[in-house]
């Protein structure tokens, strides 16, 4: 997989804790005002959505972008930026997931990143910060954060270790009990592929954002050989529609669907019409 460090080239980054990538500037509804405010609060916004409102995101929102995430700006108009997200590979565009963000959610880095890290736990999960000489961490919005060394993944490690799927599973488990959120890939909430994407990204591994693209990009393994943390894919006659993380045996951990919380599942109970495959992140 591509190293995250190789994709941190854009001087424009997300300058808020998290923001929704919309498929059009007109996509947000009145109920989404907290998500598109100049200082958005996605956690409070998501907490205020009932199941009907969450289902209503299906044709409006595509993913989340988090603090420090690089953004390629294609055009700007009326307070919105048409963008690509390089850290979220997608078959929808070769430069990264395409969509629209409020321009107020973007900032330009004054200096190149010196020692970037990705946060692997807590409310800033997935955020890209810069390690300061005093051991603290600087965000693009100028806020300095004090985090334990175990709470971040260094992207400039001289000899990076292979990603351990069990570590990705540990990140995923921090979402246990969280309501499913379509397009979610931040501490505010996750959908099935967002859970897999953000869990590996917190370790410095860049996976495609959507389940079908993840299956296409990763090395296949037999489901019975899946290790804890390996992605497990479910397909029907229309193709791949769901992804989970193996936890051992036939058990999984996943974001099921709207109305159900993130938690345990199984792949040995899939209907006979379903095809189950698995993959490994190298």
Protein backbone atom coordinates (compact mmCIF):
# COMPACT_ATOMS: atom_id res chain seq x y z
CA UNK A 1 0.00 0.00 0.00
CA UNK A 2 1.05 3.61 -0.53
CA UNK A 3 2.81 5.21 2.44
CA UNK A 4 0.81 8.05 3.91
CA UNK A 5 3.91 10.23 4.05
CA UNK A 6 4.18 10.13 0.25
CA UNK A 7 0.73 11.71 -0.08
CA UNK A 8 1.23 14.67 2.26
CA UNK A 9 2.24 17.06 -0.50
CA UNK A 10 -0.68 19.49 -0.70
CA UNK A 11 -0.23 22.75 1.25
CA UNK A 12 -4.01 22.97 1.67
CA UNK A 13 -5.36 20.89 4.53
CA UNK A 14 -8.48 20.48 6.64
CA UNK A 15 -8.35 23.05 9.45
CA UNK A 16 -11.24 21.77 11.60
CA UNK A 17 -11.48 18.57 13.68
CA UNK A 18 -13.62 16.87 11.02
CA UNK A 19 -15.80 17.82 8.06
CA UNK A 20 -18.22 16.03 5.75
CA UNK A 21 -17.39 15.61 2.07
CA UNK A 22 -20.67 16.35 0.26
CA UNK A 23 -21.49 15.35 -3.30
CA UNK A 24 -22.80 18.84 -4.08
CA UNK A 25 -22.91 22.25 -2.36
CA UNK A 26 -26.71 21.95 -2.22
CA UNK A 27 -26.59 18.52 -0.55
CA UNK A 28 -26.64 19.61 3.15
CA UNK A 29 -30.10 19.86 4.73
CA UNK A 30 -31.26 22.32 7.41
CA UNK A 31 -30.59 19.58 9.97
CA UNK A 32 -26.95 19.55 8.82
CA UNK A 33 -26.23 23.15 9.82
CA UNK A 34 -23.79 22.11 12.58
CA UNK A 35 -21.81 20.10 10.04
CA UNK A 36 -21.32 23.00 7.62
CA UNK A 37 -20.84 25.81 10.16
CA UNK A 38 -17.51 27.64 9.95
CA UNK A 39 -16.48 25.75 13.11
CA UNK A 40 -18.32 22.45 12.64
CA UNK A 41 -19.07 20.02 15.45
CA UNK A 42 -19.57 16.68 13.73
CA UNK A 43 -19.86 14.75 16.99
CA UNK A 44 -22.79 16.90 18.19
CA UNK A 45 -24.30 16.92 14.69
CA UNK A 46 -24.20 13.13 14.37
CA UNK A 47 -25.56 12.66 17.89
CA UNK A 48 -28.61 14.72 16.94
CA UNK A 49 -29.54 12.64 13.89
CA UNK A 50 -32.27 10.03 14.17
CA UNK A 51 -32.32 6.97 11.92
CA UNK A 52 -34.39 8.70 9.24
CA UNK A 53 -31.97 11.62 9.09
CA UNK A 54 -29.02 9.22 8.94
CA UNK A 55 -30.61 7.34 6.05
CA UNK A 56 -31.09 10.69 4.33
CA UNK A 57 -27.32 11.06 4.02
CA UNK A 58 -27.17 8.23 1.49
CA UNK A 59 -27.41 10.44 -1.60
CA UNK A 60 -25.77 13.49 -0.05
CA UNK A 61 -22.56 12.64 1.82
CA UNK A 62 -19.63 10.42 0.78
CA UNK A 63 -16.99 10.50 3.51
CA UNK A 64 -15.36 12.64 6.22
CA UNK A 65 -12.05 14.50 6.11
CA UNK A 66 -10.18 15.20 9.34
CA UNK A 67 -7.84 17.77 10.83
CA UNK A 68 -4.62 18.10 8.85
CA UNK A 69 -5.78 15.91 5.98
CA UNK A 70 -4.37 17.14 2.65
CA UNK A 71 -6.86 18.50 0.13
CA UNK A 72 -6.43 19.20 -3.57
CA UNK A 73 -8.64 22.17 -4.45
CA UNK A 74 -10.03 22.08 -7.99
CA UNK A 75 -12.29 25.14 -7.88
CA UNK A 76 -13.95 27.52 -5.41
CA UNK A 77 -17.29 29.34 -5.58
CA UNK A 78 -19.86 30.70 -3.14
CA UNK A 79 -18.10 29.45 -0.03
CA UNK A 80 -17.54 25.93 -1.33
CA UNK A 81 -14.46 24.18 -2.66
CA UNK A 82 -14.52 21.34 -5.14
CA UNK A 83 -11.79 19.01 -3.89
CA UNK A 84 -10.02 15.67 -4.10
CA UNK A 85 -8.82 13.79 -1.00
CA UNK A 86 -5.47 12.09 -1.76
CA UNK A 87 -5.52 10.04 1.48
CA UNK A 88 -8.82 8.47 0.43
CA UNK A 89 -8.14 6.60 -2.83
CA UNK A 90 -11.24 5.99 -4.91
CA UNK A 91 -12.20 4.59 -8.29
CA UNK A 92 -14.30 7.76 -8.62
CA UNK A 93 -11.19 9.84 -9.33
CA UNK A 94 -7.46 9.05 -9.68
CA UNK A 95 -6.46 11.98 -7.44
CA UNK A 96 -8.59 10.84 -4.49
CA UNK A 97 -12.18 10.95 -3.35
CA UNK A 98 -13.98 13.82 -5.14
CA UNK A 99 -16.58 16.10 -3.59
CA UNK A 100 -17.25 19.45 -1.97
CA UNK A 101 -16.17 21.03 1.34
CA UNK A 102 -16.92 24.45 2.84
CA UNK A 103 -13.90 26.68 2.11
CA UNK A 104 -14.03 27.83 5.75
CA UNK A 105 -12.95 24.30 6.75
CA UNK A 106 -9.65 24.58 4.85
CA UNK A 107 -6.35 26.25 5.75
CA UNK A 108 -2.94 26.58 4.10
CA UNK A 109 0.15 25.32 5.89
CA UNK A 110 2.62 28.12 6.54
CA UNK A 111 5.58 25.73 6.57
CA UNK A 112 6.06 22.15 5.34
CA UNK A 113 5.35 19.38 7.84
CA UNK A 114 8.53 18.61 9.75
CA UNK A 115 7.63 15.49 11.71
CA UNK A 116 4.05 14.44 10.90
CA UNK A 117 2.13 11.99 13.03
CA UNK A 118 -1.37 10.54 12.78
CA UNK A 119 -3.52 10.33 15.91
CA UNK A 120 -4.65 6.77 16.62
CA UNK A 121 -7.12 7.26 19.46
CA UNK A 122 -9.61 9.70 21.00
CA UNK A 123 -11.66 12.55 19.52
CA UNK A 124 -8.89 13.49 17.05
CA UNK A 125 -8.64 9.96 15.65
CA UNK A 126 -7.03 10.13 12.20
CA UNK A 127 -5.89 13.74 12.53
CA UNK A 128 -2.49 14.67 11.11
CA UNK A 129 -0.40 16.78 13.46
CA UNK A 130 3.22 17.92 13.54
CA UNK A 131 5.52 16.83 16.36
CA UNK A 132 7.18 19.81 18.07
CA UNK A 133 10.61 19.80 19.64
CA UNK A 134 9.04 19.89 23.12
CA UNK A 135 7.25 16.59 22.46
CA UNK A 136 3.83 18.16 22.01
CA UNK A 137 1.88 18.25 18.75
CA UNK A 138 0.86 21.20 16.59
CA UNK A 139 -2.37 21.18 14.58
CA UNK A 140 -2.86 23.20 11.37
CA UNK A 141 -5.30 25.47 13.20
CA UNK A 142 -2.48 26.52 15.57
CA UNK A 143 -3.71 24.53 18.57
CA UNK A 144 -1.01 22.62 20.47
CA UNK A 145 -2.03 19.20 21.78
CA UNK A 146 -0.48 17.13 24.54
CA UNK A 147 -0.77 13.46 23.63
CA UNK A 148 0.92 10.33 24.90
CA UNK A 149 3.54 8.85 22.58
CA UNK A 150 1.36 5.74 22.28
CA UNK A 151 -1.53 7.87 21.00
CA UNK A 152 0.19 8.72 17.71
CA UNK A 153 1.82 6.93 14.81
CA UNK A 154 4.99 8.52 13.46
CA UNK A 155 5.10 8.84 9.68
CA UNK A 156 8.85 9.42 9.56
CA UNK A 157 9.96 6.28 11.37
CA UNK A 158 13.34 5.32 9.86
CA UNK A 159 12.32 1.67 9.47
CA UNK A 160 8.54 1.46 9.62
CA UNK A 161 7.23 -1.89 10.79
CA UNK A 162 4.59 -3.73 8.75
CA UNK A 163 1.07 -2.84 9.82
CA UNK A 164 -0.27 -5.36 12.33
CA UNK A 165 -3.94 -6.13 11.54
CA UNK A 166 -4.52 -6.69 15.26
CA UNK A 167 -3.59 -3.04 15.87
CA UNK A 168 -6.15 -1.94 13.28
CA UNK A 169 -8.76 -4.07 15.05
CA UNK A 170 -7.86 -2.38 18.35
CA UNK A 171 -8.50 1.03 16.75
CA UNK A 172 -11.81 -0.20 15.33
CA UNK A 173 -12.97 -1.45 18.73
CA UNK A 174 -12.88 2.11 20.08
CA UNK A 175 -16.09 2.63 18.06
CA UNK A 176 -17.96 -0.17 19.85
CA UNK A 177 -21.55 0.87 20.54
CA UNK A 178 -21.38 3.91 18.24
CA UNK A 179 -24.43 4.27 15.98
CA UNK A 180 -23.76 3.53 12.31
CA UNK A 181 -23.30 6.72 10.27
CA UNK A 182 -23.44 6.66 6.47
CA UNK A 183 -20.25 8.22 5.00
CA UNK A 184 -18.68 8.34 8.47
CA UNK A 185 -14.93 7.98 8.76
CA UNK A 186 -14.08 10.04 11.84
CA UNK A 187 -14.61 10.09 15.58
CA UNK A 188 -18.13 11.39 14.86
CA UNK A 189 -19.14 8.00 13.45
CA UNK A 190 -18.42 5.39 10.80
CA UNK A 191 -19.99 3.26 8.12
CA UNK A 192 -18.64 -0.19 7.28
CA UNK A 193 -15.81 0.78 4.92
CA UNK A 194 -15.13 3.97 6.87
CA UNK A 195 -14.40 1.83 9.94
CA UNK A 196 -11.85 -0.22 8.01
CA UNK A 197 -10.34 2.83 6.32
CA UNK A 198 -9.85 4.93 9.46
CA UNK A 199 -8.63 1.96 11.54
CA UNK A 200 -5.75 1.30 9.15
CA UNK A 201 -5.09 4.97 8.44
CA UNK A 202 -4.50 5.56 12.15
CA UNK A 203 -1.50 3.24 11.70
CA UNK A 204 -0.17 5.11 8.68
CA UNK A 205 -1.60 2.74 6.04
CA UNK A 206 -3.61 4.26 3.19
CA UNK A 207 -6.49 2.05 2.02
CA UNK A 208 -9.19 3.00 -0.48
CA UNK A 209 -12.24 4.55 1.13
CA UNK A 210 -15.00 2.29 -0.25
CA UNK A 211 -15.45 -1.46 0.26
CA UNK A 212 -15.33 -2.49 -3.40
CA UNK A 213 -12.16 -0.50 -3.97
CA UNK A 214 -10.63 -1.97 -0.80
CA UNK A 215 -11.27 -5.51 -2.05
CA UNK A 216 -9.75 -4.65 -5.42
CA UNK A 217 -6.60 -3.15 -3.91
CA UNK A 218 -5.77 -5.71 -1.21
CA UNK A 219 -4.22 -9.17 -1.36
CA UNK A 220 -6.91 -11.87 -1.22
CA UNK A 221 -6.82 -14.55 1.47
CA UNK A 222 -9.28 -17.34 2.21
CA UNK A 223 -11.86 -16.29 4.83
CA UNK A 224 -10.86 -19.23 7.02
CA UNK A 225 -7.27 -17.94 6.95
CA UNK A 226 -8.17 -14.38 7.93
CA UNK A 227 -6.26 -13.06 10.91
CA UNK A 228 -7.82 -10.72 13.48
CA UNK A 229 -7.99 -7.32 11.79
CA UNK A 230 -8.05 -8.59 8.19
CA UNK A 231 -10.90 -7.14 6.11
CA UNK A 232 -13.75 -9.54 5.27
CA UNK A 233 -16.00 -8.67 2.30
CA UNK A 234 -19.60 -9.59 1.57
CA UNK A 235 -20.97 -9.59 -1.98
CA UNK A 236 -24.33 -10.31 -3.64
CA UNK A 237 -25.45 -10.26 -7.25
CA UNK A 238 -24.74 -6.52 -7.38
CA UNK A 239 -21.18 -6.81 -6.06
CA UNK A 240 -19.49 -6.05 -2.74
CA UNK A 241 -21.84 -4.25 -0.37
CA UNK A 242 -20.27 -4.69 3.07
CA UNK A 243 -16.91 -5.07 4.80
CA UNK A 244 -16.00 -6.12 8.34
CA UNK A 245 -12.81 -6.90 10.25
CA UNK A 246 -12.08 -10.50 11.22
CA UNK A 247 -11.71 -11.17 14.95
CA UNK A 248 -10.93 -14.90 14.89
CA UNK A 249 -12.81 -17.99 13.76
CA UNK A 250 -15.88 -16.85 11.87
CA UNK A 251 -16.40 -13.76 14.06
CA UNK A 252 -16.08 -10.16 12.89
CA UNK A 253 -16.27 -6.59 14.13
CA UNK A 254 -18.15 -4.16 11.92
CA UNK A 255 -20.48 -1.21 11.39
CA UNK A 256 -23.65 -3.11 10.34
CA UNK A 257 -26.25 -0.63 9.03
CA UNK A 258 -28.32 2.40 9.99
CA UNK A 259 -30.14 1.70 13.23
CA UNK A 260 -27.53 -0.75 14.52
CA UNK A 261 -24.43 0.08 16.59
CA UNK A 262 -20.86 -0.82 15.71
CA UNK A 263 -20.03 -4.18 17.26
CA UNK A 264 -19.59 -7.91 16.80
CA UNK A 265 -20.81 -9.94 13.82
CA UNK A 266 -20.14 -13.22 12.02
CA UNK A 267 -19.54 -14.31 8.45
CA UNK A 268 -20.54 -17.97 8.80
CA UNK A 269 -24.20 -16.90 9.08
CA UNK A 270 -24.23 -15.04 5.75
CA UNK A 271 -27.09 -16.10 3.43
CA UNK A 272 -26.33 -18.67 0.76
CA UNK A 273 -26.75 -15.91 -1.83
CA UNK A 274 -23.79 -14.04 -0.32
CA UNK A 275 -20.14 -14.54 -1.31
CA UNK A 276 -17.63 -14.00 1.50
CA UNK A 277 -13.99 -13.18 0.76
CA UNK A 278 -11.13 -11.76 2.82
CA UNK A 279 -7.95 -9.78 2.22
CA UNK A 280 -4.76 -8.67 3.91
CA UNK A 281 -3.01 -5.30 4.07
CA UNK A 282 0.66 -5.64 3.13
